[in-house]
Amino acid sequence: MVDLILENEQDKEELTPEIKKALYDVCEEVMREEECDFDAQISVTLVDNETIRQINKEQRNIDKVTDVLSFPMLEFDDEGNADGFYEMDGDFILLGDIVISMERAREQAKEYGHSFLREVSFLTAHSMLHLLGYDHVDDEMGEKIMCEKQESVLTKLGITRD
């Protein structure tokens, strides 16, 4: 089960009930696909390009706009196992924070020729995998695995490129 804390800190894109549902459904489906045997609390913050640029600069020392940032609360070893140390909020393990630029998501949806819902859902799935220990930076196999898992989640939810 997922306890989703959703913060909308932007006014560039409307946060529709459909987008809210997709955010929750994608988080749930990633947890199910990854066979997580724990309940997780996940914070999702929706921002604009300028805000995500500032966060990217402060947290990663990269002064540019990005589409999504992931801040995991769990540490994983090379085999993908959690290190055993985690914080709890009641019955929920604090999995981490996701920050999505809704403005950048809209730009990318147009660029890739699919729906805004699809792009926001893709970014959420991508970030959830990061929260669960997956990485793709300088890792071709890691990128391939993440792509397959993201597509599987979105396909199961019927969130297609059409």
N, C-alpha and C. Protein backbone atom coordinates (compact mmCIF):
# COMPACT_ATOMS: atom_id res chain seq x y z
N MET A 1 0.84 -1.19 0.00
CA MET A 1 0.00 0.00 0.00
C MET A 1 0.88 1.25 0.00
N VAL A 2 0.42 2.25 -0.70
CA VAL A 2 1.15 3.50 -0.82
C VAL A 2 0.38 4.62 -0.14
N ASP A 3 1.10 5.38 0.67
CA ASP A 3 0.57 6.61 1.24
C ASP A 3 1.25 7.73 0.44
N LEU A 4 0.50 8.34 -0.47
CA LEU A 4 1.06 9.36 -1.36
C LEU A 4 0.76 10.75 -0.79
N ILE A 5 1.82 11.49 -0.56
CA ILE A 5 1.68 12.88 -0.13
C ILE A 5 1.94 13.73 -1.37
N LEU A 6 0.92 14.41 -1.83
CA LEU A 6 1.01 15.18 -3.08
C LEU A 6 0.96 16.67 -2.79
N GLU A 7 1.99 17.37 -3.26
CA GLU A 7 2.08 18.83 -3.10
C GLU A 7 2.14 19.45 -4.50
N ASN A 8 1.24 20.36 -4.79
CA ASN A 8 1.26 21.06 -6.07
C ASN A 8 1.76 22.48 -5.83
N GLU A 9 3.01 22.73 -6.20
CA GLU A 9 3.63 24.03 -5.96
C GLU A 9 3.85 24.80 -7.26
N GLN A 10 3.01 24.55 -8.24
CA GLN A 10 3.14 25.23 -9.53
C GLN A 10 1.75 25.62 -10.02
N ASP A 11 1.74 26.57 -10.97
CA ASP A 11 0.47 26.99 -11.53
C ASP A 11 0.50 26.99 -13.07
N LYS A 12 1.45 26.25 -13.64
CA LYS A 12 1.58 26.20 -15.10
C LYS A 12 0.63 25.17 -15.72
N GLU A 13 0.36 24.10 -14.97
CA GLU A 13 -0.49 23.02 -15.46
C GLU A 13 -1.54 22.68 -14.41
N GLU A 14 -2.74 22.38 -14.89
CA GLU A 14 -3.81 22.00 -13.98
C GLU A 14 -3.55 20.61 -13.42
N LEU A 15 -3.75 20.45 -12.13
CA LEU A 15 -3.65 19.14 -11.50
C LEU A 15 -5.05 18.53 -11.51
N THR A 16 -5.32 17.73 -12.52
CA THR A 16 -6.65 17.15 -12.71
C THR A 16 -6.80 15.89 -11.86
N PRO A 17 -8.04 15.48 -11.62
CA PRO A 17 -8.27 14.22 -10.92
C PRO A 17 -7.60 13.04 -11.65
N GLU A 18 -7.59 13.09 -12.97
CA GLU A 18 -6.96 12.03 -13.77
C GLU A 18 -5.46 11.94 -13.50
N ILE A 19 -4.80 13.08 -13.39
CA ILE A 19 -3.36 13.10 -13.10
C ILE A 19 -3.12 12.60 -11.67
N LYS A 20 -3.92 13.06 -10.72
CA LYS A 20 -3.78 12.60 -9.33
C LYS A 20 -3.90 11.09 -9.25
N LYS A 21 -4.91 10.53 -9.92
CA LYS A 21 -5.12 9.09 -9.91
C LYS A 21 -3.94 8.37 -10.55
N ALA A 22 -3.44 8.89 -11.65
CA ALA A 22 -2.31 8.25 -12.33
C ALA A 22 -1.08 8.24 -11.45
N LEU A 23 -0.81 9.34 -10.74
CA LEU A 23 0.35 9.40 -9.84
C LEU A 23 0.26 8.28 -8.81
N TYR A 24 -0.89 8.14 -8.20
CA TYR A 24 -1.10 7.10 -7.19
C TYR A 24 -0.99 5.70 -7.82
N ASP A 25 -1.69 5.50 -8.92
CA ASP A 25 -1.71 4.18 -9.57
C ASP A 25 -0.32 3.74 -10.01
N VAL A 26 0.47 4.66 -10.55
CA VAL A 26 1.82 4.32 -10.99
C VAL A 26 2.68 3.93 -9.79
N CYS A 27 2.61 4.69 -8.71
CA CYS A 27 3.38 4.34 -7.51
C CYS A 27 2.98 2.97 -7.00
N GLU A 28 1.69 2.70 -6.93
CA GLU A 28 1.19 1.40 -6.47
C GLU A 28 1.68 0.27 -7.38
N GLU A 29 1.58 0.49 -8.70
CA GLU A 29 1.95 -0.57 -9.64
C GLU A 29 3.45 -0.86 -9.61
N VAL A 30 4.27 0.15 -9.45
CA VAL A 30 5.71 -0.09 -9.33
C VAL A 30 5.98 -0.93 -8.08
N MET A 31 5.35 -0.59 -6.99
CA MET A 31 5.53 -1.36 -5.75
C MET A 31 5.09 -2.82 -5.95
N ARG A 32 3.99 -3.01 -6.64
CA ARG A 32 3.48 -4.36 -6.91
C ARG A 32 4.44 -5.12 -7.83
N GLU A 33 4.87 -4.48 -8.91
CA GLU A 33 5.79 -5.11 -9.87
C GLU A 33 7.11 -5.50 -9.20
N GLU A 34 7.56 -4.67 -8.29
CA GLU A 34 8.82 -4.92 -7.61
C GLU A 34 8.65 -5.84 -6.39
N GLU A 35 7.42 -6.31 -6.19
CA GLU A 35 7.10 -7.23 -5.10
C GLU A 35 7.56 -6.71 -3.74
N CYS A 36 7.32 -5.42 -3.54
CA CYS A 36 7.67 -4.80 -2.25
C CYS A 36 6.71 -5.33 -1.19
N ASP A 37 7.26 -5.84 -0.12
CA ASP A 37 6.44 -6.43 0.93
C ASP A 37 6.27 -5.48 2.11
N PHE A 38 6.25 -4.18 1.79
CA PHE A 38 6.07 -3.17 2.83
C PHE A 38 5.19 -2.05 2.29
N ASP A 39 4.59 -1.33 3.21
CA ASP A 39 3.80 -0.15 2.85
C ASP A 39 4.74 1.04 2.83
N ALA A 40 4.58 1.89 1.83
CA ALA A 40 5.52 3.00 1.65
C ALA A 40 4.83 4.35 1.61
N GLN A 41 5.48 5.32 2.20
CA GLN A 41 5.04 6.71 2.08
C GLN A 41 5.95 7.38 1.06
N ILE A 42 5.33 8.03 0.10
CA ILE A 42 6.06 8.69 -0.98
C ILE A 42 5.55 10.11 -1.09
N SER A 43 6.48 11.05 -1.16
CA SER A 43 6.13 12.45 -1.34
C SER A 43 6.36 12.81 -2.81
N VAL A 44 5.33 13.36 -3.45
CA VAL A 44 5.44 13.84 -4.82
C VAL A 44 5.15 15.33 -4.81
N THR A 45 6.11 16.11 -5.29
CA THR A 45 5.94 17.56 -5.37
C THR A 45 5.97 17.98 -6.83
N LEU A 46 4.96 18.70 -7.25
CA LEU A 46 4.86 19.19 -8.63
C LEU A 46 5.30 20.64 -8.65
N VAL A 47 6.26 20.95 -9.53
CA VAL A 47 6.84 22.28 -9.58
C VAL A 47 6.92 22.77 -11.02
N ASP A 48 7.42 23.99 -11.19
CA ASP A 48 7.65 24.54 -12.53
C ASP A 48 9.15 24.42 -12.85
N ASN A 49 9.52 24.86 -14.04
CA ASN A 49 10.92 24.73 -14.48
C ASN A 49 11.90 25.49 -13.59
N GLU A 50 11.55 26.68 -13.21
CA GLU A 50 12.47 27.47 -12.40
C GLU A 50 12.72 26.83 -11.04
N THR A 51 11.67 26.30 -10.44
CA THR A 51 11.82 25.66 -9.13
C THR A 51 12.67 24.40 -9.22
N ILE A 52 12.44 23.58 -10.24
CA ILE A 52 13.25 22.35 -10.35
C ILE A 52 14.70 22.68 -10.69
N ARG A 53 14.91 23.76 -11.43
CA ARG A 53 16.28 24.19 -11.71
C ARG A 53 16.98 24.56 -10.42
N GLN A 54 16.29 25.30 -9.56
CA GLN A 54 16.88 25.70 -8.27
C GLN A 54 17.19 24.49 -7.40
N ILE A 55 16.27 23.54 -7.34
CA ILE A 55 16.49 22.33 -6.54
C ILE A 55 17.65 21.53 -7.11
N ASN A 56 17.71 21.41 -8.42
CA ASN A 56 18.79 20.69 -9.09
C ASN A 56 20.14 21.33 -8.78
N LYS A 57 20.17 22.65 -8.76
CA LYS A 57 21.41 23.38 -8.45
C LYS A 57 21.81 23.16 -6.99
N GLU A 58 20.84 23.29 -6.09
CA GLU A 58 21.13 23.14 -4.65
C GLU A 58 21.54 21.72 -4.29
N GLN A 59 20.84 20.74 -4.84
CA GLN A 59 21.04 19.35 -4.42
C GLN A 59 22.11 18.60 -5.22
N ARG A 60 22.28 18.97 -6.50
CA ARG A 60 23.18 18.21 -7.36
C ARG A 60 24.27 19.08 -7.98
N ASN A 61 24.24 20.37 -7.68
CA ASN A 61 25.19 21.33 -8.24
C ASN A 61 25.15 21.36 -9.77
N ILE A 62 23.94 21.14 -10.31
CA ILE A 62 23.71 21.21 -11.75
C ILE A 62 22.70 22.32 -11.99
N ASP A 63 23.15 23.41 -12.61
CA ASP A 63 22.31 24.59 -12.79
C ASP A 63 21.55 24.52 -14.11
N LYS A 64 20.59 23.57 -14.18
CA LYS A 64 19.74 23.49 -15.37
C LYS A 64 18.42 22.83 -15.02
N VAL A 65 17.46 23.06 -15.88
CA VAL A 65 16.13 22.47 -15.73
C VAL A 65 16.23 20.98 -16.03
N THR A 66 15.53 20.19 -15.26
CA THR A 66 15.39 18.76 -15.54
C THR A 66 13.93 18.39 -15.41
N ASP A 67 13.57 17.19 -15.80
CA ASP A 67 12.16 16.80 -15.76
C ASP A 67 11.73 16.25 -14.41
N VAL A 68 12.60 15.45 -13.78
CA VAL A 68 12.24 14.82 -12.52
C VAL A 68 13.49 14.62 -11.66
N LEU A 69 13.30 14.74 -10.37
CA LEU A 69 14.38 14.47 -9.41
C LEU A 69 13.86 13.46 -8.40
N SER A 70 14.74 12.57 -7.99
CA SER A 70 14.39 11.53 -7.02
C SER A 70 15.31 11.65 -5.82
N PHE A 71 14.72 11.58 -4.65
CA PHE A 71 15.49 11.66 -3.40
C PHE A 71 15.12 10.46 -2.53
N PRO A 72 15.82 9.33 -2.73
CA PRO A 72 15.50 8.12 -1.97
C PRO A 72 15.88 8.25 -0.50
N MET A 73 15.08 7.61 0.33
CA MET A 73 15.36 7.57 1.77
C MET A 73 16.04 6.25 2.15
N LEU A 74 15.92 5.23 1.29
CA LEU A 74 16.54 3.94 1.56
C LEU A 74 17.87 3.83 0.81
N GLU A 75 18.80 3.08 1.39
CA GLU A 75 20.06 2.78 0.73
C GLU A 75 20.00 1.33 0.29
N PHE A 76 20.58 1.04 -0.88
CA PHE A 76 20.58 -0.32 -1.40
C PHE A 76 22.00 -0.76 -1.68
N ASP A 77 22.25 -2.09 -1.51
CA ASP A 77 23.57 -2.62 -1.84
C ASP A 77 23.63 -2.95 -3.33
N ASP A 78 24.74 -3.52 -3.78
CA ASP A 78 24.93 -3.81 -5.20
C ASP A 78 23.93 -4.85 -5.74
N GLU A 79 23.37 -5.66 -4.86
CA GLU A 79 22.39 -6.66 -5.28
C GLU A 79 20.96 -6.12 -5.22
N GLY A 80 20.79 -4.86 -4.82
CA GLY A 80 19.46 -4.26 -4.78
C GLY A 80 18.71 -4.50 -3.49
N ASN A 81 19.42 -4.95 -2.46
CA ASN A 81 18.78 -5.18 -1.17
C ASN A 81 18.90 -3.94 -0.31
N ALA A 82 17.79 -3.60 0.38
CA ALA A 82 17.82 -2.45 1.29
C ALA A 82 18.79 -2.76 2.42
N ASP A 83 19.46 -1.74 2.91
CA ASP A 83 20.50 -1.94 3.92
C ASP A 83 19.95 -2.23 5.32
N GLY A 84 18.64 -2.24 5.47
CA GLY A 84 18.06 -2.57 6.76
C GLY A 84 17.74 -1.36 7.63
N PHE A 85 18.26 -0.20 7.26
CA PHE A 85 17.97 1.00 8.04
C PHE A 85 16.94 1.84 7.29
N TYR A 86 15.87 2.14 7.95
CA TYR A 86 14.83 2.95 7.30
C TYR A 86 14.04 3.69 8.36
N GLU A 87 13.43 4.76 7.91
CA GLU A 87 12.59 5.56 8.80
C GLU A 87 11.13 5.18 8.57
N MET A 88 10.36 5.26 9.63
CA MET A 88 8.94 4.91 9.56
C MET A 88 8.09 6.13 9.89
N ASP A 89 6.91 6.17 9.28
CA ASP A 89 5.87 7.11 9.66
C ASP A 89 4.64 6.25 9.94
N GLY A 90 4.45 5.91 11.18
CA GLY A 90 3.39 4.96 11.52
C GLY A 90 3.77 3.61 10.96
N ASP A 91 2.89 3.04 10.13
CA ASP A 91 3.13 1.73 9.52
C ASP A 91 3.84 1.83 8.17
N PHE A 92 4.19 3.03 7.74
CA PHE A 92 4.75 3.23 6.41
C PHE A 92 6.26 3.49 6.47
N ILE A 93 7.00 2.80 5.59
CA ILE A 93 8.42 3.10 5.41
C ILE A 93 8.51 4.35 4.54
N LEU A 94 9.31 5.31 4.95
CA LEU A 94 9.51 6.53 4.14
C LEU A 94 10.41 6.17 2.97
N LEU A 95 9.81 6.04 1.79
CA LEU A 95 10.56 5.61 0.61
C LEU A 95 11.37 6.75 0.01
N GLY A 96 10.79 7.96 -0.05
CA GLY A 96 11.53 9.08 -0.58
C GLY A 96 10.65 10.13 -1.22
N ASP A 97 11.31 11.06 -1.89
CA ASP A 97 10.64 12.21 -2.49
C ASP A 97 10.85 12.22 -4.00
N ILE A 98 9.80 12.59 -4.70
CA ILE A 98 9.82 12.76 -6.15
C ILE A 98 9.44 14.21 -6.43
N VAL A 99 10.22 14.88 -7.28
CA VAL A 99 9.91 16.24 -7.69
C VAL A 99 9.78 16.23 -9.21
N ILE A 100 8.62 16.63 -9.72
CA ILE A 100 8.36 16.63 -11.16
C ILE A 100 8.10 18.05 -11.63
N SER A 101 8.80 18.44 -12.70
CA SER A 101 8.49 19.71 -13.34
C SER A 101 7.33 19.48 -14.30
N MET A 102 6.17 19.98 -13.94
CA MET A 102 4.99 19.83 -14.80
C MET A 102 5.17 20.60 -16.11
N GLU A 103 5.87 21.69 -16.02
CA GLU A 103 6.14 22.51 -17.21
C GLU A 103 7.01 21.72 -18.19
N ARG A 104 8.06 21.08 -17.68
CA ARG A 104 8.96 20.28 -18.53
C ARG A 104 8.23 19.03 -19.04
N ALA A 105 7.37 18.45 -18.21
CA ALA A 105 6.59 17.29 -18.64
C ALA A 105 5.72 17.64 -19.84
N ARG A 106 5.11 18.82 -19.82
CA ARG A 106 4.29 19.26 -20.96
C ARG A 106 5.16 19.41 -22.21
N GLU A 107 6.32 20.03 -22.06
CA GLU A 107 7.25 20.21 -23.18
C GLU A 107 7.65 18.86 -23.77
N GLN A 108 7.97 17.91 -22.91
CA GLN A 108 8.41 16.59 -23.39
C GLN A 108 7.27 15.79 -24.01
N ALA A 109 6.06 15.94 -23.49
CA ALA A 109 4.92 15.26 -24.08
C ALA A 109 4.74 15.71 -25.53
N LYS A 110 4.87 17.01 -25.76
CA LYS A 110 4.78 17.53 -27.14
C LYS A 110 5.94 17.03 -27.98
N GLU A 111 7.14 17.07 -27.41
CA GLU A 111 8.34 16.63 -28.13
C GLU A 111 8.26 15.16 -28.54
N TYR A 112 7.75 14.31 -27.65
CA TYR A 112 7.68 12.88 -27.92
C TYR A 112 6.38 12.45 -28.59
N GLY A 113 5.44 13.38 -28.71
CA GLY A 113 4.20 13.09 -29.42
C GLY A 113 3.23 12.18 -28.67
N HIS A 114 3.24 12.27 -27.34
CA HIS A 114 2.25 11.52 -26.58
C HIS A 114 1.59 12.45 -25.57
N SER A 115 0.67 11.90 -24.80
CA SER A 115 -0.14 12.73 -23.91
C SER A 115 0.66 13.23 -22.70
N PHE A 116 0.17 14.30 -22.15
CA PHE A 116 0.73 14.86 -20.92
C PHE A 116 0.61 13.84 -19.79
N LEU A 117 -0.52 13.15 -19.72
CA LEU A 117 -0.74 12.11 -18.72
C LEU A 117 0.34 11.03 -18.85
N ARG A 118 0.62 10.62 -20.06
CA ARG A 118 1.65 9.59 -20.30
C ARG A 118 3.01 10.08 -19.78
N GLU A 119 3.36 11.32 -20.07
CA GLU A 119 4.67 11.83 -19.67
C GLU A 119 4.79 11.93 -18.14
N VAL A 120 3.77 12.44 -17.49
CA VAL A 120 3.80 12.54 -16.03
C VAL A 120 3.87 11.14 -15.42
N SER A 121 3.14 10.20 -15.98
CA SER A 121 3.15 8.82 -15.49
C SER A 121 4.51 8.18 -15.70
N PHE A 122 5.11 8.41 -16.86
CA PHE A 122 6.45 7.88 -17.14
C PHE A 122 7.47 8.43 -16.14
N LEU A 123 7.44 9.73 -15.91
CA LEU A 123 8.39 10.34 -14.98
C LEU A 123 8.20 9.80 -13.57
N THR A 124 6.95 9.54 -13.20
CA THR A 124 6.67 8.98 -11.87
C THR A 124 7.23 7.56 -11.77
N ALA A 125 6.99 6.73 -12.78
CA ALA A 125 7.52 5.36 -12.77
C ALA A 125 9.05 5.38 -12.71
N HIS A 126 9.64 6.23 -13.51
CA HIS A 126 11.10 6.36 -13.55
C HIS A 126 11.65 6.73 -12.16
N SER A 127 11.04 7.70 -11.56
CA SER A 127 11.51 8.16 -10.26
C SER A 127 11.27 7.12 -9.18
N MET A 128 10.14 6.42 -9.24
CA MET A 128 9.87 5.35 -8.27
C MET A 128 10.95 4.28 -8.32
N LEU A 129 11.39 3.94 -9.52
CA LEU A 129 12.45 2.93 -9.63
C LEU A 129 13.74 3.44 -9.00
N HIS A 130 14.02 4.74 -9.15
CA HIS A 130 15.19 5.31 -8.46
C HIS A 130 15.02 5.19 -6.94
N LEU A 131 13.82 5.46 -6.44
CA LEU A 131 13.59 5.36 -5.00
C LEU A 131 13.81 3.93 -4.50
N LEU A 132 13.61 2.96 -5.40
CA LEU A 132 13.79 1.55 -5.03
C LEU A 132 15.18 1.02 -5.36
N GLY A 133 16.11 1.94 -5.67
CA GLY A 133 17.50 1.54 -5.81
C GLY A 133 18.02 1.35 -7.21
N TYR A 134 17.18 1.53 -8.23
CA TYR A 134 17.65 1.38 -9.61
C TYR A 134 18.39 2.63 -10.04
N ASP A 135 19.35 2.44 -10.95
CA ASP A 135 20.10 3.57 -11.48
C ASP A 135 20.44 3.30 -12.94
N HIS A 136 20.68 4.37 -13.67
CA HIS A 136 21.02 4.25 -15.09
C HIS A 136 22.19 5.15 -15.47
N VAL A 137 22.67 5.95 -14.56
CA VAL A 137 23.75 6.87 -14.86
C VAL A 137 25.02 6.06 -15.14
N ASP A 138 25.58 6.24 -16.33
CA ASP A 138 26.78 5.52 -16.76
C ASP A 138 26.61 4.01 -16.62
N ASP A 139 25.39 3.50 -16.85
CA ASP A 139 25.11 2.08 -16.71
C ASP A 139 24.11 1.67 -17.78
N GLU A 140 24.63 1.17 -18.90
CA GLU A 140 23.79 0.82 -20.04
C GLU A 140 22.78 -0.27 -19.67
N MET A 141 23.22 -1.28 -18.93
CA MET A 141 22.31 -2.36 -18.53
C MET A 141 21.25 -1.83 -17.56
N GLY A 142 21.66 -0.96 -16.63
CA GLY A 142 20.71 -0.37 -15.71
C GLY A 142 19.65 0.43 -16.44
N GLU A 143 20.05 1.15 -17.47
CA GLU A 143 19.10 1.92 -18.27
C GLU A 143 18.12 1.01 -19.00
N LYS A 144 18.63 -0.09 -19.55
CA LYS A 144 17.78 -1.05 -20.26
C LYS A 144 16.75 -1.65 -19.31
N ILE A 145 17.20 -2.04 -18.13
CA ILE A 145 16.30 -2.64 -17.13
C ILE A 145 15.23 -1.64 -16.72
N MET A 146 15.64 -0.40 -16.44
CA MET A 146 14.66 0.62 -16.04
C MET A 146 13.64 0.87 -17.14
N CYS A 147 14.09 0.96 -18.38
CA CYS A 147 13.17 1.19 -19.51
C CYS A 147 12.13 0.08 -19.60
N GLU A 148 12.57 -1.16 -19.48
CA GLU A 148 11.65 -2.30 -19.55
C GLU A 148 10.64 -2.25 -18.41
N LYS A 149 11.10 -1.96 -17.22
CA LYS A 149 10.21 -1.92 -16.05
C LYS A 149 9.21 -0.77 -16.17
N GLN A 150 9.66 0.40 -16.63
CA GLN A 150 8.76 1.54 -16.80
C GLN A 150 7.67 1.20 -17.80
N GLU A 151 8.05 0.62 -18.93
CA GLU A 151 7.08 0.27 -19.97
C GLU A 151 6.09 -0.77 -19.46
N SER A 152 6.57 -1.74 -18.70
CA SER A 152 5.70 -2.77 -18.15
C SER A 152 4.63 -2.16 -17.24
N VAL A 153 5.04 -1.27 -16.36
CA VAL A 153 4.10 -0.61 -15.44
C VAL A 153 3.06 0.18 -16.21
N LEU A 154 3.50 1.01 -17.15
CA LEU A 154 2.58 1.86 -17.89
C LEU A 154 1.63 1.03 -18.75
N THR A 155 2.14 -0.06 -19.35
CA THR A 155 1.30 -0.93 -20.16
C THR A 155 0.22 -1.59 -19.31
N LYS A 156 0.61 -2.08 -18.12
CA LYS A 156 -0.37 -2.71 -17.23
C LYS A 156 -1.48 -1.74 -16.83
N LEU A 157 -1.13 -0.47 -16.72
CA LEU A 157 -2.12 0.55 -16.35
C LEU A 157 -2.87 1.11 -17.55
N GLY A 158 -2.51 0.66 -18.76
CA GLY A 158 -3.18 1.13 -19.97
C GLY A 158 -2.81 2.55 -20.34
N ILE A 159 -1.62 2.99 -19.90
CA ILE A 159 -1.16 4.36 -20.21
C ILE A 159 -0.18 4.22 -21.37
N THR A 160 -0.72 4.37 -22.57
CA THR A 160 0.06 4.10 -23.77
C THR A 160 0.56 5.39 -24.42
N ARG A 161 1.35 5.22 -25.45
CA ARG A 161 1.91 6.37 -26.19
C ARG A 161 0.90 6.99 -27.14
N ASP A 162 -0.22 6.35 -27.34
CA ASP A 162 -1.24 6.85 -28.30
C ASP A 162 -1.88 8.14 -27.83
